[in-house]
Amino acid sequence: MKGLTTHILDLTHGHPASEVAIELYRWEGSSTRRLLNTAATNADGRLDDPLLTFDRMQSGEYELLFYIGDYFRKKGLQLSDPAFLDKVAVRVGISNLASHYHVPLLVSPWGYQVYRGS
């Protein structure tokens, strides 16, 4: 897959995070964001299609919003109210339109890590 992709690993249970809702936004200026896509991870914690395909990529700032609180509630975890991490927002910049951008998320109810993958 090429474009902007992601996958999610559940560090609490030690496996891919399936059925996690994700929204992709593009920032237009410093205060306006526009929803571009919604998706959910498959059984392997990945998406069946890129969040953003090469033909739709533009230089700029994007935000991936991961609904991890809903995911952990479905797994039967008792989260505080409000949950410490309910939604994880990751803002990334796309500058090279010929490049693939992959944003893995490693997550637990108490913390997360992201990086530019391959």
PDB file of N, CA and C in Angstrom:
ATOM      1  N   MET A   1       0.837  -1.181   0.000  1.00  0.00           N
ATOM      2  CA  MET A   1       0.000   0.000   0.000  1.00  0.00           C
ATOM      3  C   MET A   1       0.878   1.239   0.000  1.00  0.00           C
ATOM      4  N   LYS A   2       0.479   2.232  -0.746  1.00  0.00           N
ATOM      5  CA  LYS A   2       1.233   3.481  -0.788  1.00  0.00           C
ATOM      6  C   LYS A   2       0.307   4.635  -0.459  1.00  0.00           C
ATOM      7  N   GLY A   3       0.888   5.714   0.013  1.00  0.00           N
ATOM      8  CA  GLY A   3       0.123   6.878   0.435  1.00  0.00           C
ATOM      9  C   GLY A   3       0.380   7.112   1.906  1.00  0.00           C
ATOM     10  N   LEU A   4      -0.694   7.316   2.678  1.00  0.00           N
ATOM     11  CA  LEU A   4      -0.614   7.468   4.131  1.00  0.00           C
ATOM     12  C   LEU A   4      -1.322   6.270   4.754  1.00  0.00           C
ATOM     13  N   THR A   5      -0.556   5.473   5.515  1.00  0.00           N
ATOM     14  CA  THR A   5      -1.098   4.260   6.129  1.00  0.00           C
ATOM     15  C   THR A   5      -0.771   4.247   7.617  1.00  0.00           C
ATOM     16  N   THR A   6      -1.385   3.313   8.332  1.00  0.00           N
ATOM     17  CA  THR A   6      -1.137   3.164   9.763  1.00  0.00           C
ATOM     18  C   THR A   6      -1.385   1.726  10.169  1.00  0.00           C
ATOM     19  N   HIS A   7      -0.911   1.365  11.333  1.00  0.00           N
ATOM     20  CA  HIS A   7      -1.353   0.148  12.007  1.00  0.00           C
ATOM     21  C   HIS A   7      -1.230   0.386  13.507  1.00  0.00           C
ATOM     22  N   ILE A   8      -1.957  -0.438  14.270  1.00  0.00           N
ATOM     23  CA  ILE A   8      -2.021  -0.236  15.719  1.00  0.00           C
ATOM     24  C   ILE A   8      -1.707  -1.548  16.420  1.00  0.00           C
ATOM     25  N   LEU A   9      -0.796  -1.471  17.390  1.00  0.00           N
ATOM     26  CA  LEU A   9      -0.460  -2.617  18.229  1.00  0.00           C
ATOM     27  C   LEU A   9      -0.909  -2.336  19.658  1.00  0.00           C
ATOM     28  N   ASP A  10      -1.662  -3.266  20.223  1.00  0.00           N
ATOM     29  CA  ASP A  10      -2.180  -3.188  21.586  1.00  0.00           C
ATOM     30  C   ASP A  10      -1.115  -3.757  22.524  1.00  0.00           C
ATOM     31  N   LEU A  11      -0.426  -2.888  23.253  1.00  0.00           N
ATOM     32  CA  LEU A  11       0.646  -3.322  24.145  1.00  0.00           C
ATOM     33  C   LEU A  11       0.121  -3.963  25.426  1.00  0.00           C
ATOM     34  N   THR A  12      -1.115  -3.685  25.790  1.00  0.00           N
ATOM     35  CA  THR A  12      -1.706  -4.274  26.993  1.00  0.00           C
ATOM     36  C   THR A  12      -1.958  -5.762  26.807  1.00  0.00           C
ATOM     37  N   HIS A  13      -2.493  -6.125  25.647  1.00  0.00           N
ATOM     38  CA  HIS A  13      -2.840  -7.521  25.387  1.00  0.00           C
ATOM     39  C   HIS A  13      -1.814  -8.241  24.516  1.00  0.00           C
ATOM     40  N   GLY A  14      -0.878  -7.497  23.932  1.00  0.00           N
ATOM     41  CA  GLY A  14       0.179  -8.108  23.151  1.00  0.00           C
ATOM     42  C   GLY A  14      -0.232  -8.612  21.783  1.00  0.00           C
ATOM     43  N   HIS A  15      -1.138  -7.877  21.130  1.00  0.00           N
ATOM     44  CA  HIS A  15      -1.544  -8.266  19.776  1.00  0.00           C
ATOM     45  C   HIS A  15      -2.018  -7.047  18.997  1.00  0.00           C
ATOM     46  N   PRO A  16      -2.246  -7.205  17.684  1.00  0.00           N
ATOM     47  CA  PRO A  16      -2.765  -6.080  16.894  1.00  0.00           C
ATOM     48  C   PRO A  16      -4.123  -5.620  17.429  1.00  0.00           C
ATOM     49  N   ALA A  17      -4.394  -4.347  17.305  1.00  0.00           N
ATOM     50  CA  ALA A  17      -5.660  -3.776  17.763  1.00  0.00           C
ATOM     51  C   ALA A  17      -6.648  -3.730  16.597  1.00  0.00           C
ATOM     52  N   SER A  18      -7.662  -4.568  16.653  1.00  0.00           N
ATOM     53  CA  SER A  18      -8.658  -4.617  15.587  1.00  0.00           C
ATOM     54  C   SER A  18      -9.873  -3.757  15.933  1.00  0.00           C
ATOM     55  N   GLU A  19     -10.556  -3.336  14.906  1.00  0.00           N
ATOM     56  CA  GLU A  19     -11.797  -2.558  15.020  1.00  0.00           C
ATOM     57  C   GLU A  19     -11.618  -1.225  15.740  1.00  0.00           C
ATOM     58  N   VAL A  20     -10.466  -0.595  15.543  1.00  0.00           N
ATOM     59  CA  VAL A  20     -10.237   0.746  16.098  1.00  0.00           C
ATOM     60  C   VAL A  20     -10.658   1.760  15.040  1.00  0.00           C
ATOM     61  N   ALA A  21     -11.558   2.645  15.404  1.00  0.00           N
ATOM     62  CA  ALA A  21     -11.995   3.700  14.493  1.00  0.00           C
ATOM     63  C   ALA A  21     -10.900   4.756  14.380  1.00  0.00           C
ATOM     64  N   ILE A  22     -10.700   5.231  13.141  1.00  0.00           N
ATOM     65  CA  ILE A  22      -9.682   6.250  12.855  1.00  0.00           C
ATOM     66  C   ILE A  22     -10.310   7.300  11.948  1.00  0.00           C
ATOM     67  N   GLU A  23     -10.011   8.552  12.230  1.00  0.00           N
ATOM     68  CA  GLU A  23     -10.406   9.653  11.352  1.00  0.00           C
ATOM     69  C   GLU A  23      -9.146  10.346  10.863  1.00  0.00           C
ATOM     70  N   LEU A  24      -9.174  10.779   9.623  1.00  0.00           N
ATOM     71  CA  LEU A  24      -8.060  11.532   9.048  1.00  0.00           C
ATOM     72  C   LEU A  24      -8.547  12.925   8.683  1.00  0.00           C
ATOM     73  N   TYR A  25      -7.815  13.924   9.171  1.00  0.00           N
ATOM     74  CA  TYR A  25      -8.126  15.325   8.893  1.00  0.00           C
ATOM     75  C   TYR A  25      -6.946  15.978   8.194  1.00  0.00           C
ATOM     76  N   ARG A  26      -7.237  17.000   7.416  1.00  0.00           N
ATOM     77  CA  ARG A  26      -6.196  17.859   6.842  1.00  0.00           C
ATOM     78  C   ARG A  26      -6.377  19.239   7.452  1.00  0.00           C
ATOM     79  N   TRP A  27      -5.293  19.791   7.964  1.00  0.00           N
ATOM     80  CA  TRP A  27      -5.334  21.128   8.544  1.00  0.00           C
ATOM     81  C   TRP A  27      -5.231  22.156   7.432  1.00  0.00           C
ATOM     82  N   GLU A  28      -6.120  23.116   7.477  1.00  0.00           N
ATOM     83  CA  GLU A  28      -6.139  24.231   6.524  1.00  0.00           C
ATOM     84  C   GLU A  28      -5.943  25.504   7.334  1.00  0.00           C
ATOM     85  N   GLY A  29      -4.737  26.004   7.347  1.00  0.00           N
ATOM     86  CA  GLY A  29      -4.410  27.123   8.229  1.00  0.00           C
ATOM     87  C   GLY A  29      -4.147  26.591   9.625  1.00  0.00           C
ATOM     88  N   SER A  30      -4.168  27.474  10.600  1.00  0.00           N
ATOM     89  CA  SER A  30      -3.809  27.066  11.960  1.00  0.00           C
ATOM     90  C   SER A  30      -5.002  26.641  12.805  1.00  0.00           C
ATOM     91  N   SER A  31      -6.228  26.873  12.331  1.00  0.00           N
ATOM     92  CA  SER A  31      -7.365  26.579  13.201  1.00  0.00           C
ATOM     93  C   SER A  31      -8.503  25.815  12.528  1.00  0.00           C
ATOM     94  N   THR A  32      -8.369  25.459  11.276  1.00  0.00           N
ATOM     95  CA  THR A  32      -9.448  24.754  10.582  1.00  0.00           C
ATOM     96  C   THR A  32      -8.946  23.403  10.089  1.00  0.00           C
ATOM     97  N   ARG A  33      -9.687  22.369  10.428  1.00  0.00           N
ATOM     98  CA  ARG A  33      -9.343  21.050   9.910  1.00  0.00           C
ATOM     99  C   ARG A  33     -10.543  20.487   9.154  1.00  0.00           C
ATOM    100  N   ARG A  34     -10.237  19.695   8.125  1.00  0.00           N
ATOM    101  CA  ARG A  34     -11.277  19.134   7.270  1.00  0.00           C
ATOM    102  C   ARG A  34     -11.166  17.615   7.282  1.00  0.00           C
ATOM    103  N   LEU A  35     -12.283  16.944   7.572  1.00  0.00           N
ATOM    104  CA  LEU A  35     -12.308  15.486   7.599  1.00  0.00           C
ATOM    105  C   LEU A  35     -12.150  14.947   6.184  1.00  0.00           C
ATOM    106  N   LEU A  36     -11.158  14.066   5.988  1.00  0.00           N
ATOM    107  CA  LEU A  36     -10.899  13.470   4.680  1.00  0.00           C
ATOM    108  C   LEU A  36     -11.359  12.025   4.585  1.00  0.00           C
ATOM    109  N   ASN A  37     -11.248  11.287   5.705  1.00  0.00           N
ATOM    110  CA  ASN A  37     -11.522   9.863   5.626  1.00  0.00           C
ATOM    111  C   ASN A  37     -11.797   9.303   7.008  1.00  0.00           C
ATOM    112  N   THR A  38     -12.566   8.222   7.050  1.00  0.00           N
ATOM    113  CA  THR A  38     -12.758   7.436   8.264  1.00  0.00           C
ATOM    114  C   THR A  38     -12.510   5.976   7.906  1.00  0.00           C
ATOM    115  N   ALA A  39     -12.013   5.221   8.875  1.00  0.00           N
ATOM    116  CA  ALA A  39     -11.717   3.813   8.629  1.00  0.00           C
ATOM    117  C   ALA A  39     -11.668   3.088   9.970  1.00  0.00           C
ATOM    118  N   ALA A  40     -11.558   1.768   9.907  1.00  0.00           N
ATOM    119  CA  ALA A  40     -11.377   0.947  11.103  1.00  0.00           C
ATOM    120  C   ALA A  40     -10.343  -0.128  10.787  1.00  0.00           C
ATOM    121  N   THR A  41      -9.541  -0.460  11.785  1.00  0.00           N
ATOM    122  CA  THR A  41      -8.503  -1.465  11.582  1.00  0.00           C
ATOM    123  C   THR A  41      -9.112  -2.854  11.441  1.00  0.00           C
ATOM    124  N   ASN A  42      -8.411  -3.701  10.693  1.00  0.00           N
ATOM    125  CA  ASN A  42      -8.834  -5.079  10.500  1.00  0.00           C
ATOM    126  C   ASN A  42      -8.245  -5.971  11.600  1.00  0.00           C
ATOM    127  N   ALA A  43      -8.370  -7.287  11.460  1.00  0.00           N
ATOM    128  CA  ALA A  43      -7.904  -8.225  12.483  1.00  0.00           C
ATOM    129  C   ALA A  43      -6.399  -8.139  12.710  1.00  0.00           C
ATOM    130  N   ASP A  44      -5.661  -7.648  11.714  1.00  0.00           N
ATOM    131  CA  ASP A  44      -4.211  -7.506  11.833  1.00  0.00           C
ATOM    132  C   ASP A  44      -3.808  -6.122  12.347  1.00  0.00           C
ATOM    133  N   GLY A  45      -4.781  -5.309  12.765  1.00  0.00           N
ATOM    134  CA  GLY A  45      -4.493  -3.968  13.266  1.00  0.00           C
ATOM    135  C   GLY A  45      -4.142  -2.981  12.176  1.00  0.00           C
ATOM    136  N   ARG A  46      -4.388  -3.362  10.923  1.00  0.00           N
ATOM    137  CA  ARG A  46      -4.054  -2.514   9.771  1.00  0.00           C
ATOM    138  C   ARG A  46      -5.333  -2.116   9.045  1.00  0.00           C
ATOM    139  N   LEU A  47      -5.173  -1.245   8.069  1.00  0.00           N
ATOM    140  CA  LEU A  47      -6.307  -0.839   7.240  1.00  0.00           C
ATOM    141  C   LEU A  47      -6.272  -1.608   5.926  1.00  0.00           C
ATOM    142  N   ASP A  48      -7.432  -1.857   5.367  1.00  0.00           N
ATOM    143  CA  ASP A  48      -7.502  -2.543   4.079  1.00  0.00           C
ATOM    144  C   ASP A  48      -7.060  -1.637   2.930  1.00  0.00           C
ATOM    145  N   ASP A  49      -7.206  -0.341   3.109  1.00  0.00           N
ATOM    146  CA  ASP A  49      -6.816   0.651   2.099  1.00  0.00           C
ATOM    147  C   ASP A  49      -6.098   1.796   2.804  1.00  0.00           C
ATOM    148  N   PRO A  50      -5.259   2.539   2.082  1.00  0.00           N
ATOM    149  CA  PRO A  50      -4.607   3.697   2.706  1.00  0.00           C
ATOM    150  C   PRO A  50      -5.634   4.723   3.188  1.00  0.00           C
ATOM    151  N   LEU A  51      -5.293   5.429   4.247  1.00  0.00           N
ATOM    152  CA  LEU A  51      -6.127   6.557   4.680  1.00  0.00           C
ATOM    153  C   LEU A  51      -6.132   7.654   3.626  1.00  0.00           C
ATOM    154  N   LEU A  52      -4.999   7.789   2.967  1.00  0.00           N
ATOM    155  CA  LEU A  52      -4.841   8.808   1.930  1.00  0.00           C
ATOM    156  C   LEU A  52      -4.013   8.198   0.809  1.00  0.00           C
ATOM    157  N   THR A  53      -4.570   8.138  -0.381  1.00  0.00           N
ATOM    158  CA  THR A  53      -3.850   7.561  -1.518  1.00  0.00           C
ATOM    159  C   THR A  53      -2.928   8.602  -2.139  1.00  0.00           C
ATOM    160  N   PHE A  54      -1.927   8.116  -2.891  1.00  0.00           N
ATOM    161  CA  PHE A  54      -0.967   9.012  -3.537  1.00  0.00           C
ATOM    162  C   PHE A  54      -1.650  10.101  -4.353  1.00  0.00           C
ATOM    163  N   ASP A  55      -2.689   9.741  -5.073  1.00  0.00           N
ATOM    164  CA  ASP A  55      -3.335  10.713  -5.955  1.00  0.00           C
ATOM    165  C   ASP A  55      -4.061  11.812  -5.184  1.00  0.00           C
ATOM    166  N   ARG A  56      -4.340  11.614  -3.890  1.00  0.00           N
ATOM    167  CA  ARG A  56      -5.022  12.629  -3.082  1.00  0.00           C
ATOM    168  C   ARG A  56      -4.077  13.366  -2.136  1.00  0.00           C
ATOM    169  N   MET A  57      -2.804  12.931  -2.088  1.00  0.00           N
ATOM    170  CA  MET A  57      -1.856  13.565  -1.174  1.00  0.00           C
ATOM    171  C   MET A  57      -1.506  14.979  -1.625  1.00  0.00           C
ATOM    172  N   GLN A  58      -1.416  15.850  -0.647  1.00  0.00           N
ATOM    173  CA  GLN A  58      -0.958  17.224  -0.850  1.00  0.00           C
ATOM    174  C   GLN A  58       0.028  17.532   0.268  1.00  0.00           C
ATOM    175  N   SER A  59       0.944  18.431   0.005  1.00  0.00           N
ATOM    176  CA  SER A  59       1.828  18.889   1.081  1.00  0.00           C
ATOM    177  C   SER A  59       0.975  19.549   2.143  1.00  0.00           C
ATOM    178  N   GLY A  60       1.353  19.336   3.386  1.00  0.00           N
ATOM    179  CA  GLY A  60       0.626  19.996   4.460  1.00  0.00           C
ATOM    180  C   GLY A  60       0.611  19.175   5.731  1.00  0.00           C
ATOM    181  N   GLU A  61      -0.200  19.632   6.658  1.00  0.00           N
ATOM    182  CA  GLU A  61      -0.301  19.013   7.972  1.00  0.00           C
ATOM    183  C   GLU A  61      -1.597  18.223   8.069  1.00  0.00           C
ATOM    184  N   TYR A  62      -1.475  16.991   8.581  1.00  0.00           N
ATOM    185  CA  TYR A  62      -2.601  16.079   8.707  1.00  0.00           C
ATOM    186  C   TYR A  62      -2.714  15.615  10.154  1.00  0.00           C
ATOM    187  N   GLU A  63      -3.909  15.161  10.524  1.00  0.00           N
ATOM    188  CA  GLU A  63      -4.113  14.625  11.865  1.00  0.00           C
ATOM    189  C   GLU A  63      -4.835  13.292  11.769  1.00  0.00           C
ATOM    190  N   LEU A  64      -4.272  12.289  12.414  1.00  0.00           N
ATOM    191  CA  LEU A  64      -4.925  10.996  12.566  1.00  0.00           C
ATOM    192  C   LEU A  64      -5.517  10.973  13.967  1.00  0.00           C
ATOM    193  N   LEU A  65      -6.802  10.654  14.078  1.00  0.00           N
ATOM    194  CA  LEU A  65      -7.469  10.588  15.375  1.00  0.00           C
ATOM    195  C   LEU A  65      -7.886   9.145  15.614  1.00  0.00           C
ATOM    196  N   PHE A  66      -7.275   8.518  16.627  1.00  0.00           N
ATOM    197  CA  PHE A  66      -7.490   7.112  16.950  1.00  0.00           C
ATOM    198  C   PHE A  66      -8.431   7.008  18.161  1.00  0.00           C
ATOM    199  N   TYR A  67      -9.508   6.267  18.039  1.00  0.00           N
ATOM    200  CA  TYR A  67     -10.488   6.099  19.116  1.00  0.00           C
ATOM    201  C   TYR A  67     -10.114   4.886  19.971  1.00  0.00           C
ATOM    202  N   ILE A  68      -9.070   5.044  20.765  1.00  0.00           N
ATOM    203  CA  ILE A  68      -8.564   3.897  21.514  1.00  0.00           C
ATOM    204  C   ILE A  68      -9.366   3.608  22.785  1.00  0.00           C
ATOM    205  N   GLY A  69      -9.999   4.609  23.361  1.00  0.00           N
ATOM    206  CA  GLY A  69     -10.840   4.361  24.539  1.00  0.00           C
ATOM    207  C   GLY A  69     -11.963   3.395  24.211  1.00  0.00           C
ATOM    208  N   ASP A  70     -12.631   3.607  23.086  1.00  0.00           N
ATOM    209  CA  ASP A  70     -13.697   2.700  22.657  1.00  0.00           C
ATOM    210  C   ASP A  70     -13.154   1.288  22.471  1.00  0.00           C
ATOM    211  N   TYR A  71     -11.968   1.189  21.893  1.00  0.00           N
ATOM    212  CA  TYR A  71     -11.346  -0.119  21.666  1.00  0.00           C
ATOM    213  C   TYR A  71     -11.117  -0.847  22.996  1.00  0.00           C
ATOM    214  N   PHE A  72     -10.510  -0.173  23.974  1.00  0.00           N
ATOM    215  CA  PHE A  72     -10.217  -0.839  25.239  1.00  0.00           C
ATOM    216  C   PHE A  72     -11.492  -1.152  26.017  1.00  0.00           C
ATOM    217  N   ARG A  73     -12.525  -0.329  25.900  1.00  0.00           N
ATOM    218  CA  ARG A  73     -13.801  -0.648  26.546  1.00  0.00           C
ATOM    219  C   ARG A  73     -14.386  -1.935  25.952  1.00  0.00           C
ATOM    220  N   LYS A  74     -14.312  -2.078  24.622  1.00  0.00           N
ATOM    221  CA  LYS A  74     -14.801  -3.309  23.971  1.00  0.00           C
ATOM    222  C   LYS A  74     -14.024  -4.532  24.446  1.00  0.00           C
ATOM    223  N   LYS A  75     -12.776  -4.333  24.829  1.00  0.00           N
ATOM    224  CA  LYS A  75     -11.940  -5.428  25.341  1.00  0.00           C
ATOM    225  C   LYS A  75     -12.261  -5.749  26.801  1.00  0.00           C
ATOM    226  N   GLY A  76     -13.156  -4.987  27.411  1.00  0.00           N
ATOM    227  CA  GLY A  76     -13.570  -5.259  28.786  1.00  0.00           C
ATOM    228  C   GLY A  76     -12.735  -4.582  29.851  1.00  0.00           C
ATOM    229  N   LEU A  77     -11.873  -3.658  29.458  1.00  0.00           N
ATOM    230  CA  LEU A  77     -11.069  -2.952  30.459  1.00  0.00           C
ATOM    231  C   LEU A  77     -11.904  -1.873  31.136  1.00  0.00           C
ATOM    232  N   GLN A  78     -11.751  -1.760  32.433  1.00  0.00           N
ATOM    233  CA  GLN A  78     -12.411  -0.704  33.184  1.00  0.00           C
ATOM    234  C   GLN A  78     -11.543   0.549  33.078  1.00  0.00           C
ATOM    235  N   LEU A  79     -12.023   1.534  32.364  1.00  0.00           N
ATOM    236  CA  LEU A  79     -11.288   2.798  32.227  1.00  0.00           C
ATOM    237  C   LEU A  79     -11.900   3.823  33.157  1.00  0.00           C
ATOM    238  N   SER A  80     -11.093   4.759  33.604  1.00  0.00           N
ATOM    239  CA  SER A  80     -11.613   5.837  34.438  1.00  0.00           C
ATOM    240  C   SER A  80     -12.592   6.676  33.620  1.00  0.00           C
ATOM    241  N   ASP A  81     -13.376   7.487  34.305  1.00  0.00           N
ATOM    242  CA  ASP A  81     -14.342   8.346  33.622  1.00  0.00           C
ATOM    243  C   ASP A  81     -14.062   9.791  34.005  1.00  0.00           C
ATOM    244  N   PRO A  82     -13.459  10.577  33.124  1.00  0.00           N
ATOM    245  CA  PRO A  82     -13.095  10.234  31.752  1.00  0.00           C
ATOM    246  C   PRO A  82     -11.834   9.374  31.701  1.00  0.00           C
ATOM    247  N   ALA A  83     -11.688   8.666  30.596  1.00  0.00           N
ATOM    248  CA  ALA A  83     -10.506   7.819  30.414  1.00  0.00           C
ATOM    249  C   ALA A  83      -9.262   8.686  30.305  1.00  0.00           C
ATOM    250  N   PHE A  84      -8.154   8.185  30.822  1.00  0.00           N
ATOM    251  CA  PHE A  84      -6.892   8.922  30.711  1.00  0.00           C
ATOM    252  C   PHE A  84      -6.564   9.200  29.246  1.00  0.00           C
ATOM    253  N   LEU A  85      -6.636   8.179  28.395  1.00  0.00           N
ATOM    254  CA  LEU A  85      -6.489   8.339  26.942  1.00  0.00           C
ATOM    255  C   LEU A  85      -7.747   7.791  26.284  1.00  0.00           C
ATOM    256  N   ASP A  86      -8.580   8.661  25.792  1.00  0.00           N
ATOM    257  CA  ASP A  86      -9.795   8.226  25.107  1.00  0.00           C
ATOM    258  C   ASP A  86      -9.591   8.272  23.600  1.00  0.00           C
ATOM    259  N   LYS A  87      -9.033   9.382  23.140  1.00  0.00           N
ATOM    260  CA  LYS A  87      -8.699   9.552  21.727  1.00  0.00           C
ATOM    261  C   LYS A  87      -7.241  10.006  21.649  1.00  0.00           C
ATOM    262  N   VAL A  88      -6.518   9.450  20.711  1.00  0.00           N
ATOM    263  CA  VAL A  88      -5.129   9.844  20.503  1.00  0.00           C
ATOM    264  C   VAL A  88      -5.050  10.574  19.179  1.00  0.00           C
ATOM    265  N   ALA A  89      -4.611  11.822  19.216  1.00  0.00           N
ATOM    266  CA  ALA A  89      -4.453  12.630  18.005  1.00  0.00           C
ATOM    267  C   ALA A  89      -2.970  12.709  17.661  1.00  0.00           C
ATOM    268  N   VAL A  90      -2.657  12.391  16.411  1.00  0.00           N
ATOM    269  CA  VAL A  90      -1.283  12.442  15.938  1.00  0.00           C
ATOM    270  C   VAL A  90      -1.248  13.348  14.718  1.00  0.00           C
ATOM    271  N   ARG A  91      -0.486  14.441  14.819  1.00  0.00           N
ATOM    272  CA  ARG A  91      -0.356  15.369  13.701  1.00  0.00           C
ATOM    273  C   ARG A  91       0.964  15.116  12.994  1.00  0.00           C
ATOM    274  N   VAL A  92       0.876  14.946  11.674  1.00  0.00           N
ATOM    275  CA  VAL A  92       2.064  14.684  10.862  1.00  0.00           C
ATOM    276  C   VAL A  92       2.097  15.639   9.679  1.00  0.00           C
ATOM    277  N   GLY A  93       3.292  15.932   9.232  1.00  0.00           N
ATOM    278  CA  GLY A  93       3.471  16.771   8.049  1.00  0.00           C
ATOM    279  C   GLY A  93       3.876  15.924   6.859  1.00  0.00           C
ATOM    280  N   ILE A  94       3.255  16.185   5.737  1.00  0.00           N
ATOM    281  CA  ILE A  94       3.621  15.525   4.482  1.00  0.00           C
ATOM    282  C   ILE A  94       4.281  16.569   3.601  1.00  0.00           C
ATOM    283  N   SER A  95       5.539  16.295   3.243  1.00  0.00           N
ATOM    284  CA  SER A  95       6.283  17.249   2.429  1.00  0.00           C
ATOM    285  C   SER A  95       6.731  16.657   1.101  1.00  0.00           C
ATOM    286  N   ASN A  96       6.979  15.352   1.074  1.00  0.00           N
ATOM    287  CA  ASN A  96       7.466  14.699  -0.135  1.00  0.00           C
ATOM    288  C   ASN A  96       6.337  13.873  -0.736  1.00  0.00           C
ATOM    289  N   LEU A  97       5.731  14.376  -1.788  1.00  0.00           N
ATOM    290  CA  LEU A  97       4.553  13.721  -2.372  1.00  0.00           C
ATOM    291  C   LEU A  97       4.886  12.418  -3.079  1.00  0.00           C
ATOM    292  N   ALA A  98       6.151  12.121  -3.300  1.00  0.00           N
ATOM    293  CA  ALA A  98       6.554  10.853  -3.921  1.00  0.00           C
ATOM    294  C   ALA A  98       6.845   9.779  -2.873  1.00  0.00           C
ATOM    295  N   SER A  99       6.750  10.133  -1.591  1.00  0.00           N
ATOM    296  CA  SER A  99       7.113   9.234  -0.504  1.00  0.00           C
ATOM    297  C   SER A  99       5.881   8.554   0.088  1.00  0.00           C
ATOM    298  N   HIS A 100       6.105   7.370   0.638  1.00  0.00           N
ATOM    299  CA  HIS A 100       5.075   6.674   1.408  1.00  0.00           C
ATOM    300  C   HIS A 100       5.199   7.113   2.863  1.00  0.00           C
ATOM    301  N   TYR A 101       4.079   7.385   3.517  1.00  0.00           N
ATOM    302  CA  TYR A 101       4.073   7.770   4.923  1.00  0.00           C
ATOM    303  C   TYR A 101       3.296   6.716   5.705  1.00  0.00           C
ATOM    304  N   HIS A 102       3.976   6.086   6.665  1.00  0.00           N
ATOM    305  CA  HIS A 102       3.358   5.059   7.502  1.00  0.00           C
ATOM    306  C   HIS A 102       3.500   5.489   8.953  1.00  0.00           C
ATOM    307  N   VAL A 103       2.387   5.490   9.701  1.00  0.00           N
ATOM    308  CA  VAL A 103       2.360   5.996  11.070  1.00  0.00           C
ATOM    309  C   VAL A 103       1.852   4.886  12.008  1.00  0.00           C
ATOM    310  N   PRO A 104       2.744   4.035  12.520  1.00  0.00           N
ATOM    311  CA  PRO A 104       2.334   3.011  13.476  1.00  0.00           C
ATOM    312  C   PRO A 104       2.035   3.628  14.849  1.00  0.00           C
ATOM    313  N   LEU A 105       1.049   3.055  15.526  1.00  0.00           N
ATOM    314  CA  LEU A 105       0.691   3.472  16.881  1.00  0.00           C
ATOM    315  C   LEU A 105       0.819   2.266  17.801  1.00  0.00           C
ATOM    316  N   LEU A 106       1.641   2.396  18.830  1.00  0.00           N
ATOM    317  CA  LEU A 106       1.759   1.395  19.891  1.00  0.00           C
ATOM    318  C   LEU A 106       1.012   1.976  21.086  1.00  0.00           C
ATOM    319  N   VAL A 107       0.030   1.243  21.628  1.00  0.00           N
ATOM    320  CA  VAL A 107      -0.875   1.889  22.570  1.00  0.00           C
ATOM    321  C   VAL A 107      -1.269   0.984  23.737  1.00  0.00           C
ATOM    322  N   SER A 108      -1.501   1.628  24.871  1.00  0.00           N
ATOM    323  CA  SER A 108      -2.111   1.019  26.052  1.00  0.00           C
ATOM    324  C   SER A 108      -3.083   2.071  26.599  1.00  0.00           C
ATOM    325  N   PRO A 109      -3.873   1.746  27.603  1.00  0.00           N
ATOM    326  CA  PRO A 109      -4.764   2.776  28.162  1.00  0.00           C
ATOM    327  C   PRO A 109      -4.018   3.923  28.838  1.00  0.00           C
ATOM    328  N   TRP A 110      -2.704   3.753  29.068  1.00  0.00           N
ATOM    329  CA  TRP A 110      -1.942   4.736  29.836  1.00  0.00           C
ATOM    330  C   TRP A 110      -0.843   5.428  29.057  1.00  0.00           C
ATOM    331  N   GLY A 111      -0.616   5.041  27.803  1.00  0.00           N
ATOM    332  CA  GLY A 111       0.436   5.673  27.039  1.00  0.00           C
ATOM    333  C   GLY A 111       0.451   5.190  25.604  1.00  0.00           C
ATOM    334  N   TYR A 112       1.207   5.899  24.788  1.00  0.00           N
ATOM    335  CA  TYR A 112       1.325   5.515  23.386  1.00  0.00           C
ATOM    336  C   TYR A 112       2.645   6.005  22.827  1.00  0.00           C
ATOM    337  N   GLN A 113       3.016   5.413  21.691  1.00  0.00           N
ATOM    338  CA  GLN A 113       4.199   5.830  20.964  1.00  0.00           C
ATOM    339  C   GLN A 113       3.883   5.765  19.481  1.00  0.00           C
ATOM    340  N   VAL A 114       4.364   6.733  18.741  1.00  0.00           N
ATOM    341  CA  VAL A 114       4.225   6.740  17.287  1.00  0.00           C
ATOM    342  C   VAL A 114       5.593   7.002  16.672  1.00  0.00           C
ATOM    343  N   TYR A 115       5.736   6.610  15.432  1.00  0.00           N
ATOM    344  CA  TYR A 115       6.978   6.861  14.707  1.00  0.00           C
ATOM    345  C   TYR A 115       6.667   6.783  13.223  1.00  0.00           C
ATOM    346  N   ARG A 116       7.591   7.237  12.421  1.00  0.00           N
ATOM    347  CA  ARG A 116       7.431   7.080  10.976  1.00  0.00           C
ATOM    348  C   ARG A 116       7.980   5.715  10.586  1.00  0.00           C
ATOM    349  N   GLY A 117       7.092   4.849  10.186  1.00  0.00           N
ATOM    350  CA  GLY A 117       7.475   3.504   9.790  1.00  0.00           C
ATOM    351  C   GLY A 117       7.787   3.441   8.318  1.00  0.00           C
ATOM    352  N   SER A 118       7.884   2.217   7.839  1.00  0.00           N
ATOM    353  CA  SER A 118       8.200   2.027   6.419  1.00  0.00           C
ATOM    354  C   SER A 118       7.107   1.232   5.727  1.00  0.00           C
TER     355      SER A 118
END
